[in-house]
Amino acid sequence: MELFVQLLITGVMVGSIYALVALGWTLIYKCSGVLNLAMGELTLIGAYVCLSLYTWGIPFPLALLGTLIVGFVLGLLTERLFLRRLIGESILTVIMVTVGLSFFFRGVVEFIWGTDTRVFFPPVFPIEPIKFGNIVIGQVYLWSFLAAIVLLLVFVALFKYTRWGLSMQATADDEMASLSLGVSVKVVYALAWAIAFMAAGVGGTLLGNINGLNISVGYLGLLVLPAVVLGGLNSVPGAIVGGITIGILQNLADGYLSRFTPGGVKEIAPFAFMVIILLFKPYGLWGWVRIERV
């Protein structure tokens, strides 16, 4: 039971970071119907930007704020330079462009920062773990969890209660009706990419504090996909619940099944779970069911 509780708590904490990245997936899909396959590279860029700012002597909270600002600007530029002219094109065309962007961003990261593993030094969070009886929790997990929850609440509040957020929801529900009411679809798409850059960058930064930072963090984008599918591609609450669920599942699989396999079950389990969910809930737990009449 102690092992189960330990794995469960750690899974929730890591899952909250997955939920933050999943939020970026969901916002872009919700507004434009596009699966952004460059999500993993967005986490890389944000994490390395924060690491660079921290290495230059900027306190971590300010470095994290700087990462959000840089992410916002890069999101706007990416949408303006690469994606705005694709408005009205087929969904497949835009998805293939995001594939190209993933390779482009990865190349930029490797060119600027290299491929060696780097760590935040001095450590951002205290190394001494917190103990609750026989349950041991690393402070890096605890503080990363709290930071992820705060940012999730901020993003969800912006999405639900601000004028920009309401415009994004309106565009997601009915693009033509939104245009008739004066909503700028171009601005909405730009904001979706900006917020996705911000959320992914912070998620990559928090994971970099836990495991160190190298090019493999970019695979997080695909690892978060099962969380997005589980919650529903266009559901913000679903992204949060899906991220935490996948974090728990991944941790439990690693704790109980890794001893019976030669390795890799931690990475495979979320995708196996995603396949099972798709068999019974093709649109996820809270996804919109498309009804087509002919």
C-alpha atoms as a PDB file:
ATOM      1  CA  MET A   1       0.000   0.000   0.000  1.00  0.00           C
ATOM      2  CA  GLU A   2       2.861   2.382   0.760  1.00  0.00           C
ATOM      3  CA  LEU A   3       4.310   1.775  -2.691  1.00  0.00           C
ATOM      4  CA  PHE A   4       0.911   2.397  -4.279  1.00  0.00           C
ATOM      5  CA  VAL A   5       0.433   5.690  -2.396  1.00  0.00           C
ATOM      6  CA  GLN A   6       3.982   6.774  -3.272  1.00  0.00           C
ATOM      7  CA  LEU A   7       3.419   6.058  -6.962  1.00  0.00           C
ATOM      8  CA  LEU A   8      -0.016   7.676  -6.895  1.00  0.00           C
ATOM      9  CA  ILE A   9       1.218  10.935  -5.349  1.00  0.00           C
ATOM     10  CA  THR A  10       4.191  11.208  -7.690  1.00  0.00           C
ATOM     11  CA  GLY A  11       1.948  10.399 -10.649  1.00  0.00           C
ATOM     12  CA  VAL A  12      -0.462  13.192  -9.752  1.00  0.00           C
ATOM     13  CA  MET A  13       2.397  15.675  -9.488  1.00  0.00           C
ATOM     14  CA  VAL A  14       3.971  14.733 -12.802  1.00  0.00           C
ATOM     15  CA  GLY A  15       0.513  14.486 -14.367  1.00  0.00           C
ATOM     16  CA  SER A  16      -0.186  18.117 -13.486  1.00  0.00           C
ATOM     17  CA  ILE A  17       2.757  19.096 -15.703  1.00  0.00           C
ATOM     18  CA  TYR A  18       1.393  16.887 -18.485  1.00  0.00           C
ATOM     19  CA  ALA A  19      -1.950  18.655 -18.039  1.00  0.00           C
ATOM     20  CA  LEU A  20      -0.247  22.013 -18.564  1.00  0.00           C
ATOM     21  CA  VAL A  21       1.224  20.875 -21.880  1.00  0.00           C
ATOM     22  CA  ALA A  22      -2.046  19.157 -22.844  1.00  0.00           C
ATOM     23  CA  LEU A  23      -3.787  22.505 -22.413  1.00  0.00           C
ATOM     24  CA  GLY A  24      -1.707  23.871 -25.296  1.00  0.00           C
ATOM     25  CA  TRP A  25      -2.721  20.936 -27.500  1.00  0.00           C
ATOM     26  CA  THR A  26      -6.374  21.468 -26.661  1.00  0.00           C
ATOM     27  CA  LEU A  27      -6.470  25.232 -27.232  1.00  0.00           C
ATOM     28  CA  ILE A  28      -5.030  24.955 -30.737  1.00  0.00           C
ATOM     29  CA  TYR A  29      -7.309  22.071 -31.680  1.00  0.00           C
ATOM     30  CA  LYS A  30     -10.342  23.742 -30.119  1.00  0.00           C
ATOM     31  CA  CYS A  31      -9.843  26.938 -32.118  1.00  0.00           C
ATOM     32  CA  SER A  32      -8.631  25.581 -35.446  1.00  0.00           C
ATOM     33  CA  GLY A  33      -9.205  21.817 -35.515  1.00  0.00           C
ATOM     34  CA  VAL A  34      -5.460  21.261 -35.999  1.00  0.00           C
ATOM     35  CA  LEU A  35      -3.305  18.724 -34.156  1.00  0.00           C
ATOM     36  CA  ASN A  36      -0.087  20.593 -33.415  1.00  0.00           C
ATOM     37  CA  LEU A  37       2.602  17.942 -33.820  1.00  0.00           C
ATOM     38  CA  ALA A  38       5.317  20.459 -32.898  1.00  0.00           C
ATOM     39  CA  MET A  39       4.158  20.568 -29.274  1.00  0.00           C
ATOM     40  CA  GLY A  40       7.180  18.671 -27.976  1.00  0.00           C
ATOM     41  CA  GLU A  41       9.569  21.160 -29.547  1.00  0.00           C
ATOM     42  CA  LEU A  42       7.662  24.028 -27.941  1.00  0.00           C
ATOM     43  CA  THR A  43       8.438  22.479 -24.558  1.00  0.00           C
ATOM     44  CA  LEU A  44      12.106  22.297 -25.529  1.00  0.00           C
ATOM     45  CA  ILE A  45      12.335  25.939 -26.538  1.00  0.00           C
ATOM     46  CA  GLY A  46      10.632  27.202 -23.394  1.00  0.00           C
ATOM     47  CA  ALA A  47      12.748  24.996 -21.123  1.00  0.00           C
ATOM     48  CA  TYR A  48      16.035  26.092 -22.697  1.00  0.00           C
ATOM     49  CA  VAL A  49      15.018  29.755 -22.617  1.00  0.00           C
ATOM     50  CA  CYS A  50      14.299  29.471 -18.887  1.00  0.00           C
ATOM     51  CA  LEU A  51      17.573  27.604 -18.314  1.00  0.00           C
ATOM     52  CA  SER A  52      19.522  30.309 -20.144  1.00  0.00           C
ATOM     53  CA  LEU A  53      17.881  33.092 -18.142  1.00  0.00           C
ATOM     54  CA  TYR A  54      18.543  31.220 -14.897  1.00  0.00           C
ATOM     55  CA  THR A  55      22.173  30.584 -15.887  1.00  0.00           C
ATOM     56  CA  TRP A  56      22.622  34.322 -16.463  1.00  0.00           C
ATOM     57  CA  GLY A  57      21.820  34.899 -12.793  1.00  0.00           C
ATOM     58  CA  ILE A  58      18.148  35.813 -13.055  1.00  0.00           C
ATOM     59  CA  PRO A  59      16.082  34.421 -10.129  1.00  0.00           C
ATOM     60  CA  PHE A  60      13.961  31.453 -11.132  1.00  0.00           C
ATOM     61  CA  PRO A  61      10.532  33.163 -10.668  1.00  0.00           C
ATOM     62  CA  LEU A  62      11.662  35.996 -12.948  1.00  0.00           C
ATOM     63  CA  ALA A  63      13.207  33.514 -15.386  1.00  0.00           C
ATOM     64  CA  LEU A  64       9.872  31.683 -15.484  1.00  0.00           C
ATOM     65  CA  LEU A  65       8.084  34.981 -16.129  1.00  0.00           C
ATOM     66  CA  GLY A  66      10.581  35.728 -18.882  1.00  0.00           C
ATOM     67  CA  THR A  67       9.854  32.299 -20.380  1.00  0.00           C
ATOM     68  CA  LEU A  68       6.149  33.132 -20.485  1.00  0.00           C
ATOM     69  CA  ILE A  69       6.857  36.451 -22.221  1.00  0.00           C
ATOM     70  CA  VAL A  70       9.235  34.898 -24.751  1.00  0.00           C
ATOM     71  CA  GLY A  71       6.753  32.071 -25.363  1.00  0.00           C
ATOM     72  CA  PHE A  72       3.946  34.557 -25.979  1.00  0.00           C
ATOM     73  CA  VAL A  73       6.025  36.473 -28.529  1.00  0.00           C
ATOM     74  CA  LEU A  74       7.276  33.318 -30.275  1.00  0.00           C
ATOM     75  CA  GLY A  75       3.733  31.976 -30.463  1.00  0.00           C
ATOM     76  CA  LEU A  76       2.522  35.139 -32.163  1.00  0.00           C
ATOM     77  CA  LEU A  77       5.469  35.111 -34.588  1.00  0.00           C
ATOM     78  CA  THR A  78       5.001  31.433 -35.456  1.00  0.00           C
ATOM     79  CA  GLU A  79       1.337  31.925 -36.216  1.00  0.00           C
ATOM     80  CA  ARG A  80       2.027  35.098 -38.229  1.00  0.00           C
ATOM     81  CA  LEU A  81       4.938  33.767 -40.303  1.00  0.00           C
ATOM     82  CA  PHE A  82       3.971  30.140 -40.906  1.00  0.00           C
ATOM     83  CA  LEU A  83       0.284  29.558 -40.249  1.00  0.00           C
ATOM     84  CA  ARG A  84      -1.783  32.657 -40.975  1.00  0.00           C
ATOM     85  CA  ARG A  85      -1.540  32.260 -44.723  1.00  0.00           C
ATOM     86  CA  LEU A  86      -2.891  28.713 -44.331  1.00  0.00           C
ATOM     87  CA  ILE A  87      -6.273  29.862 -43.012  1.00  0.00           C
ATOM     88  CA  GLY A  88      -8.882  28.212 -45.226  1.00  0.00           C
ATOM     89  CA  GLU A  89      -6.550  25.406 -46.329  1.00  0.00           C
ATOM     90  CA  SER A  90      -7.246  21.768 -45.527  1.00  0.00           C
ATOM     91  CA  ILE A  91      -6.581  20.512 -42.002  1.00  0.00           C
ATOM     92  CA  LEU A  92      -4.081  17.964 -43.331  1.00  0.00           C
ATOM     93  CA  THR A  93      -2.019  20.743 -44.915  1.00  0.00           C
ATOM     94  CA  VAL A  94      -1.752  22.627 -41.633  1.00  0.00           C
ATOM     95  CA  ILE A  95      -0.888  19.456 -39.705  1.00  0.00           C
ATOM     96  CA  MET A  96       1.945  18.713 -42.138  1.00  0.00           C
ATOM     97  CA  VAL A  97       3.232  22.251 -41.624  1.00  0.00           C
ATOM     98  CA  THR A  98       3.361  21.622 -37.866  1.00  0.00           C
ATOM     99  CA  VAL A  99       5.421  18.487 -38.598  1.00  0.00           C
ATOM    100  CA  GLY A 100       7.857  20.660 -40.536  1.00  0.00           C
ATOM    101  CA  LEU A 101       7.916  23.169 -37.693  1.00  0.00           C
ATOM    102  CA  SER A 102       8.795  20.391 -35.236  1.00  0.00           C
ATOM    103  CA  PHE A 103      11.939  19.512 -37.217  1.00  0.00           C
ATOM    104  CA  PHE A 104      12.794  23.178 -37.697  1.00  0.00           C
ATOM    105  CA  PHE A 105      12.461  24.002 -33.985  1.00  0.00           C
ATOM    106  CA  ARG A 106      14.430  20.902 -32.992  1.00  0.00           C
ATOM    107  CA  GLY A 107      17.229  21.917 -35.330  1.00  0.00           C
ATOM    108  CA  VAL A 108      17.281  25.425 -33.881  1.00  0.00           C
ATOM    109  CA  VAL A 109      17.486  24.040 -30.330  1.00  0.00           C
ATOM    110  CA  GLU A 110      20.321  21.662 -31.227  1.00  0.00           C
ATOM    111  CA  PHE A 111      22.200  24.453 -33.017  1.00  0.00           C
ATOM    112  CA  ILE A 112      21.935  26.936 -30.121  1.00  0.00           C
ATOM    113  CA  TRP A 113      22.074  24.705 -27.032  1.00  0.00           C
ATOM    114  CA  GLY A 114      23.472  21.388 -28.273  1.00  0.00           C
ATOM    115  CA  THR A 115      22.308  17.903 -27.299  1.00  0.00           C
ATOM    116  CA  ASP A 116      24.114  17.296 -23.996  1.00  0.00           C
ATOM    117  CA  THR A 117      22.052  16.978 -20.822  1.00  0.00           C
ATOM    118  CA  ARG A 118      22.020  20.181 -18.802  1.00  0.00           C
ATOM    119  CA  VAL A 119      20.685  20.866 -15.330  1.00  0.00           C
ATOM    120  CA  PHE A 120      19.560  23.910 -13.419  1.00  0.00           C
ATOM    121  CA  PHE A 121      22.551  24.809 -11.244  1.00  0.00           C
ATOM    122  CA  PRO A 122      22.403  25.712  -8.477  1.00  0.00           C
ATOM    123  CA  PRO A 123      19.254  23.580  -7.992  1.00  0.00           C
ATOM    124  CA  VAL A 124      16.085  25.643  -8.040  1.00  0.00           C
ATOM    125  CA  PHE A 125      14.290  23.547  -5.436  1.00  0.00           C
ATOM    126  CA  PRO A 126      15.696  22.102  -2.184  1.00  0.00           C
ATOM    127  CA  ILE A 127      17.167  18.616  -2.537  1.00  0.00           C
ATOM    128  CA  GLU A 128      16.053  17.423   0.913  1.00  0.00           C
ATOM    129  CA  PRO A 129      12.837  15.365   0.449  1.00  0.00           C
ATOM    130  CA  ILE A 130       9.689  15.735   2.529  1.00  0.00           C
ATOM    131  CA  LYS A 131       8.619  12.677   4.526  1.00  0.00           C
ATOM    132  CA  PHE A 132       5.093  11.725   5.571  1.00  0.00           C
ATOM    133  CA  GLY A 133       5.683   8.549   7.556  1.00  0.00           C
ATOM    134  CA  ASN A 134       7.189   6.133   5.037  1.00  0.00           C
ATOM    135  CA  ILE A 135       6.074   8.249   2.074  1.00  0.00           C
ATOM    136  CA  VAL A 136       8.928  10.296   0.618  1.00  0.00           C
ATOM    137  CA  ILE A 137       8.232  13.186  -1.770  1.00  0.00           C
ATOM    138  CA  GLY A 138      10.963  15.134  -3.509  1.00  0.00           C
ATOM    139  CA  GLN A 139      10.521  18.882  -3.125  1.00  0.00           C
ATOM    140  CA  VAL A 140      11.107  19.346  -6.850  1.00  0.00           C
ATOM    141  CA  TYR A 141       7.928  17.300  -7.489  1.00  0.00           C
ATOM    142  CA  LEU A 142       5.949  19.212  -4.878  1.00  0.00           C
ATOM    143  CA  TRP A 143       6.926  22.690  -6.039  1.00  0.00           C
ATOM    144  CA  SER A 144       6.532  21.756  -9.699  1.00  0.00           C
ATOM    145  CA  PHE A 145       3.039  20.478  -8.894  1.00  0.00           C
ATOM    146  CA  LEU A 146       2.099  23.731  -7.140  1.00  0.00           C
ATOM    147  CA  ALA A 147       3.503  25.854  -9.980  1.00  0.00           C
ATOM    148  CA  ALA A 148       1.640  23.787 -12.585  1.00  0.00           C
ATOM    149  CA  ILE A 149      -1.657  24.045 -10.675  1.00  0.00           C
ATOM    150  CA  VAL A 150      -1.341  27.830 -10.289  1.00  0.00           C
ATOM    151  CA  LEU A 151      -0.617  28.292 -13.988  1.00  0.00           C
ATOM    152  CA  LEU A 152      -3.441  25.951 -14.969  1.00  0.00           C
ATOM    153  CA  LEU A 153      -5.864  28.028 -12.900  1.00  0.00           C
ATOM    154  CA  VAL A 154      -4.560  31.242 -14.492  1.00  0.00           C
ATOM    155  CA  PHE A 155      -4.898  29.894 -18.040  1.00  0.00           C
ATOM    156  CA  VAL A 156      -8.374  28.479 -17.420  1.00  0.00           C
ATOM    157  CA  ALA A 157      -9.497  31.770 -15.828  1.00  0.00           C
ATOM    158  CA  LEU A 158      -8.179  33.712 -18.827  1.00  0.00           C
ATOM    159  CA  PHE A 159      -9.978  31.341 -21.151  1.00  0.00           C
ATOM    160  CA  LYS A 160     -13.320  31.510 -19.324  1.00  0.00           C
ATOM    161  CA  TYR A 161     -13.583  35.075 -18.037  1.00  0.00           C
ATOM    162  CA  THR A 162     -11.654  37.428 -20.326  1.00  0.00           C
ATOM    163  CA  ARG A 163     -12.854  38.932 -23.576  1.00  0.00           C
ATOM    164  CA  TRP A 164     -10.078  37.184 -25.513  1.00  0.00           C
ATOM    165  CA  GLY A 165     -10.953  33.874 -23.911  1.00  0.00           C
ATOM    166  CA  LEU A 166     -14.636  34.255 -24.736  1.00  0.00           C
ATOM    167  CA  SER A 167     -13.695  35.113 -28.325  1.00  0.00           C
ATOM    168  CA  MET A 168     -11.669  31.913 -28.496  1.00  0.00           C
ATOM    169  CA  GLN A 169     -14.608  29.887 -27.196  1.00  0.00           C
ATOM    170  CA  ALA A 170     -16.977  31.544 -29.665  1.00  0.00           C
ATOM    171  CA  THR A 171     -14.644  30.817 -32.580  1.00  0.00           C
ATOM    172  CA  ALA A 172     -14.343  27.204 -31.490  1.00  0.00           C
ATOM    173  CA  ASP A 173     -18.136  26.825 -31.338  1.00  0.00           C
ATOM    174  CA  ASP A 174     -18.996  28.538 -34.626  1.00  0.00           C
ATOM    175  CA  GLU A 175     -16.408  30.350 -36.703  1.00  0.00           C
ATOM    176  CA  MET A 176     -18.845  31.948 -39.139  1.00  0.00           C
ATOM    177  CA  ALA A 177     -21.117  33.233 -36.373  1.00  0.00           C
ATOM    178  CA  SER A 178     -18.087  34.676 -34.575  1.00  0.00           C
ATOM    179  CA  LEU A 179     -16.987  36.489 -37.713  1.00  0.00           C
ATOM    180  CA  SER A 180     -20.463  37.979 -38.113  1.00  0.00           C
ATOM    181  CA  LEU A 181     -20.218  39.341 -34.550  1.00  0.00           C
ATOM    182  CA  GLY A 182     -16.889  41.046 -35.234  1.00  0.00           C
ATOM    183  CA  VAL A 183     -14.525  38.480 -33.722  1.00  0.00           C
ATOM    184  CA  SER A 184     -11.158  38.402 -35.474  1.00  0.00           C
ATOM    185  CA  VAL A 185     -10.344  34.778 -36.218  1.00  0.00           C
ATOM    186  CA  LYS A 186      -6.742  35.730 -36.991  1.00  0.00           C
ATOM    187  CA  VAL A 187      -6.301  37.204 -33.511  1.00  0.00           C
ATOM    188  CA  VAL A 188      -7.919  34.149 -31.931  1.00  0.00           C
ATOM    189  CA  TYR A 189      -5.575  31.751 -33.741  1.00  0.00           C
ATOM    190  CA  ALA A 190      -2.560  33.883 -32.801  1.00  0.00           C
ATOM    191  CA  LEU A 191      -3.598  33.877 -29.140  1.00  0.00           C
ATOM    192  CA  ALA A 192      -4.098  30.113 -29.178  1.00  0.00           C
ATOM    193  CA  TRP A 193      -0.556  29.585 -30.450  1.00  0.00           C
ATOM    194  CA  ALA A 194       0.830  32.111 -27.973  1.00  0.00           C
ATOM    195  CA  ILE A 195      -0.825  30.389 -25.009  1.00  0.00           C
ATOM    196  CA  ALA A 196       0.272  26.983 -26.309  1.00  0.00           C
ATOM    197  CA  PHE A 197       3.883  28.201 -26.453  1.00  0.00           C
ATOM    198  CA  MET A 198       3.606  29.554 -22.905  1.00  0.00           C
ATOM    199  CA  ALA A 199       2.027  26.436 -21.409  1.00  0.00           C
ATOM    200  CA  ALA A 200       4.411  24.057 -23.176  1.00  0.00           C
ATOM    201  CA  GLY A 201       7.456  26.127 -22.207  1.00  0.00           C
ATOM    202  CA  VAL A 202       6.577  26.111 -18.522  1.00  0.00           C
ATOM    203  CA  GLY A 203       5.827  22.383 -18.660  1.00  0.00           C
ATOM    204  CA  GLY A 204       9.227  21.710 -20.204  1.00  0.00           C
ATOM    205  CA  THR A 205      10.914  23.903 -17.598  1.00  0.00           C
ATOM    206  CA  LEU A 206       9.339  22.010 -14.704  1.00  0.00           C
ATOM    207  CA  LEU A 207      10.247  18.634 -16.229  1.00  0.00           C
ATOM    208  CA  GLY A 208      13.780  19.896 -16.809  1.00  0.00           C
ATOM    209  CA  ASN A 209      14.059  20.595 -13.095  1.00  0.00           C
ATOM    210  CA  ILE A 210      12.990  17.026 -12.319  1.00  0.00           C
ATOM    211  CA  ASN A 211      14.990  14.954 -14.809  1.00  0.00           C
ATOM    212  CA  GLY A 212      17.502  17.339 -16.339  1.00  0.00           C
ATOM    213  CA  LEU A 213      17.152  18.937 -19.731  1.00  0.00           C
ATOM    214  CA  ASN A 214      18.149  17.483 -23.079  1.00  0.00           C
ATOM    215  CA  ILE A 215      16.690  16.976 -26.521  1.00  0.00           C
ATOM    216  CA  SER A 216      14.622  13.970 -25.357  1.00  0.00           C
ATOM    217  CA  VAL A 217      12.278  16.334 -23.488  1.00  0.00           C
ATOM    218  CA  GLY A 218      10.864  17.070 -26.935  1.00  0.00           C
ATOM    219  CA  TYR A 219       9.218  13.641 -26.940  1.00  0.00           C
ATOM    220  CA  LEU A 220       6.929  14.965 -24.220  1.00  0.00           C
ATOM    221  CA  GLY A 221       4.668  16.351 -26.935  1.00  0.00           C
ATOM    222  CA  LEU A 222       3.773  12.879 -28.173  1.00  0.00           C
ATOM    223  CA  LEU A 223       3.666  11.485 -24.646  1.00  0.00           C
ATOM    224  CA  VAL A 224       0.988  14.033 -23.751  1.00  0.00           C
ATOM    225  CA  LEU A 225      -1.151  13.064 -26.757  1.00  0.00           C
ATOM    226  CA  PRO A 226      -2.827  10.156 -24.878  1.00  0.00           C
ATOM    227  CA  ALA A 227      -3.829  12.637 -22.160  1.00  0.00           C
ATOM    228  CA  VAL A 228      -5.423  14.922 -24.742  1.00  0.00           C
ATOM    229  CA  VAL A 229      -7.250  12.026 -26.419  1.00  0.00           C
ATOM    230  CA  LEU A 230      -8.468  10.700 -23.073  1.00  0.00           C
ATOM    231  CA  GLY A 231      -9.998  14.012 -22.007  1.00  0.00           C
ATOM    232  CA  GLY A 232     -11.305  14.955 -25.443  1.00  0.00           C
ATOM    233  CA  LEU A 233      -9.364  16.944 -27.994  1.00  0.00           C
ATOM    234  CA  ASN A 234     -11.514  20.056 -27.563  1.00  0.00           C
ATOM    235  CA  SER A 235     -12.125  19.936 -23.807  1.00  0.00           C
ATOM    236  CA  VAL A 236     -10.055  22.142 -21.474  1.00  0.00           C
ATOM    237  CA  PRO A 237     -11.204  20.314 -18.284  1.00  0.00           C
ATOM    238  CA  GLY A 238     -10.590  17.060 -20.138  1.00  0.00           C
ATOM    239  CA  ALA A 239      -6.978  18.067 -20.831  1.00  0.00           C
ATOM    240  CA  ILE A 240      -6.399  18.639 -17.117  1.00  0.00           C
ATOM    241  CA  VAL A 241      -8.039  15.396 -15.999  1.00  0.00           C
ATOM    242  CA  GLY A 242      -6.395  13.463 -18.828  1.00  0.00           C
ATOM    243  CA  GLY A 243      -2.940  14.781 -17.990  1.00  0.00           C
ATOM    244  CA  ILE A 244      -3.217  13.801 -14.332  1.00  0.00           C
ATOM    245  CA  THR A 245      -4.694  10.399 -15.237  1.00  0.00           C
ATOM    246  CA  ILE A 246      -1.885   9.610 -17.668  1.00  0.00           C
ATOM    247  CA  GLY A 247       0.707  10.698 -15.110  1.00  0.00           C
ATOM    248  CA  ILE A 248      -0.771   8.286 -12.561  1.00  0.00           C
ATOM    249  CA  LEU A 249      -1.051   5.449 -15.089  1.00  0.00           C
ATOM    250  CA  GLN A 250       2.522   5.923 -16.281  1.00  0.00           C
ATOM    251  CA  ASN A 251       3.890   5.896 -12.743  1.00  0.00           C
ATOM    252  CA  LEU A 252       1.889   2.821 -11.710  1.00  0.00           C
ATOM    253  CA  ALA A 253       2.973   0.949 -14.829  1.00  0.00           C
ATOM    254  CA  ASP A 254       6.601   1.806 -14.114  1.00  0.00           C
ATOM    255  CA  GLY A 255       6.294   0.742 -10.484  1.00  0.00           C
ATOM    256  CA  TYR A 256       4.456  -2.549 -10.979  1.00  0.00           C
ATOM    257  CA  LEU A 257       5.232  -3.740 -14.517  1.00  0.00           C
ATOM    258  CA  SER A 258       8.786  -2.623 -15.247  1.00  0.00           C
ATOM    259  CA  ARG A 259      10.184  -5.550 -13.247  1.00  0.00           C
ATOM    260  CA  PHE A 260       8.562  -7.990 -15.702  1.00  0.00           C
ATOM    261  CA  THR A 261       9.681  -6.281 -18.905  1.00  0.00           C
ATOM    262  CA  PRO A 262      13.111  -5.431 -20.340  1.00  0.00           C
ATOM    263  CA  GLY A 263      12.255  -1.715 -20.347  1.00  0.00           C
ATOM    264  CA  GLY A 264      10.093   0.926 -21.927  1.00  0.00           C
ATOM    265  CA  VAL A 265       6.772   0.053 -20.286  1.00  0.00           C
ATOM    266  CA  LYS A 266       6.622   3.550 -18.792  1.00  0.00           C
ATOM    267  CA  GLU A 267       6.552   5.089 -22.269  1.00  0.00           C
ATOM    268  CA  ILE A 268       4.306   2.447 -23.835  1.00  0.00           C
ATOM    269  CA  ALA A 269       1.588   2.343 -21.157  1.00  0.00           C
ATOM    270  CA  PRO A 270      -0.021   5.727 -21.993  1.00  0.00           C
ATOM    271  CA  PHE A 271      -0.373   4.808 -25.670  1.00  0.00           C
ATOM    272  CA  ALA A 272      -1.772   1.364 -24.866  1.00  0.00           C
ATOM    273  CA  PHE A 273      -4.285   3.047 -22.588  1.00  0.00           C
ATOM    274  CA  MET A 274      -5.126   5.538 -25.361  1.00  0.00           C
ATOM    275  CA  VAL A 275      -5.922   2.696 -27.795  1.00  0.00           C
ATOM    276  CA  ILE A 276      -8.244   1.066 -25.252  1.00  0.00           C
ATOM    277  CA  ILE A 277     -10.041   4.377 -24.616  1.00  0.00           C
ATOM    278  CA  LEU A 278     -10.504   4.991 -28.348  1.00  0.00           C
ATOM    279  CA  LEU A 279     -12.178   1.605 -28.723  1.00  0.00           C
ATOM    280  CA  PHE A 280     -14.969   2.589 -26.329  1.00  0.00           C
ATOM    281  CA  LYS A 281     -14.891   6.427 -26.351  1.00  0.00           C
ATOM    282  CA  PRO A 282     -13.651   7.615 -29.765  1.00  0.00           C
ATOM    283  CA  TYR A 283     -14.132  11.276 -28.817  1.00  0.00           C
ATOM    284  CA  GLY A 284     -12.638  10.996 -25.337  1.00  0.00           C
ATOM    285  CA  LEU A 285     -14.423  11.502 -22.038  1.00  0.00           C
ATOM    286  CA  TRP A 286     -15.561  15.085 -22.744  1.00  0.00           C
ATOM    287  CA  GLY A 287     -14.954  15.480 -26.476  1.00  0.00           C
ATOM    288  CA  TRP A 288     -17.614  16.780 -28.839  1.00  0.00           C
ATOM    289  CA  VAL A 289     -19.358  14.015 -30.776  1.00  0.00           C
ATOM    290  CA  ARG A 290     -19.594  14.997 -34.432  1.00  0.00           C
ATOM    291  CA  ILE A 291     -22.962  14.231 -36.023  1.00  0.00           C
ATOM    292  CA  GLU A 292     -22.975  14.405 -39.813  1.00  0.00           C
ATOM    293  CA  ARG A 293     -26.237  14.392 -41.752  1.00  0.00           C
ATOM    294  CA  VAL A 294     -26.366  13.445 -45.393  1.00  0.00           C
END
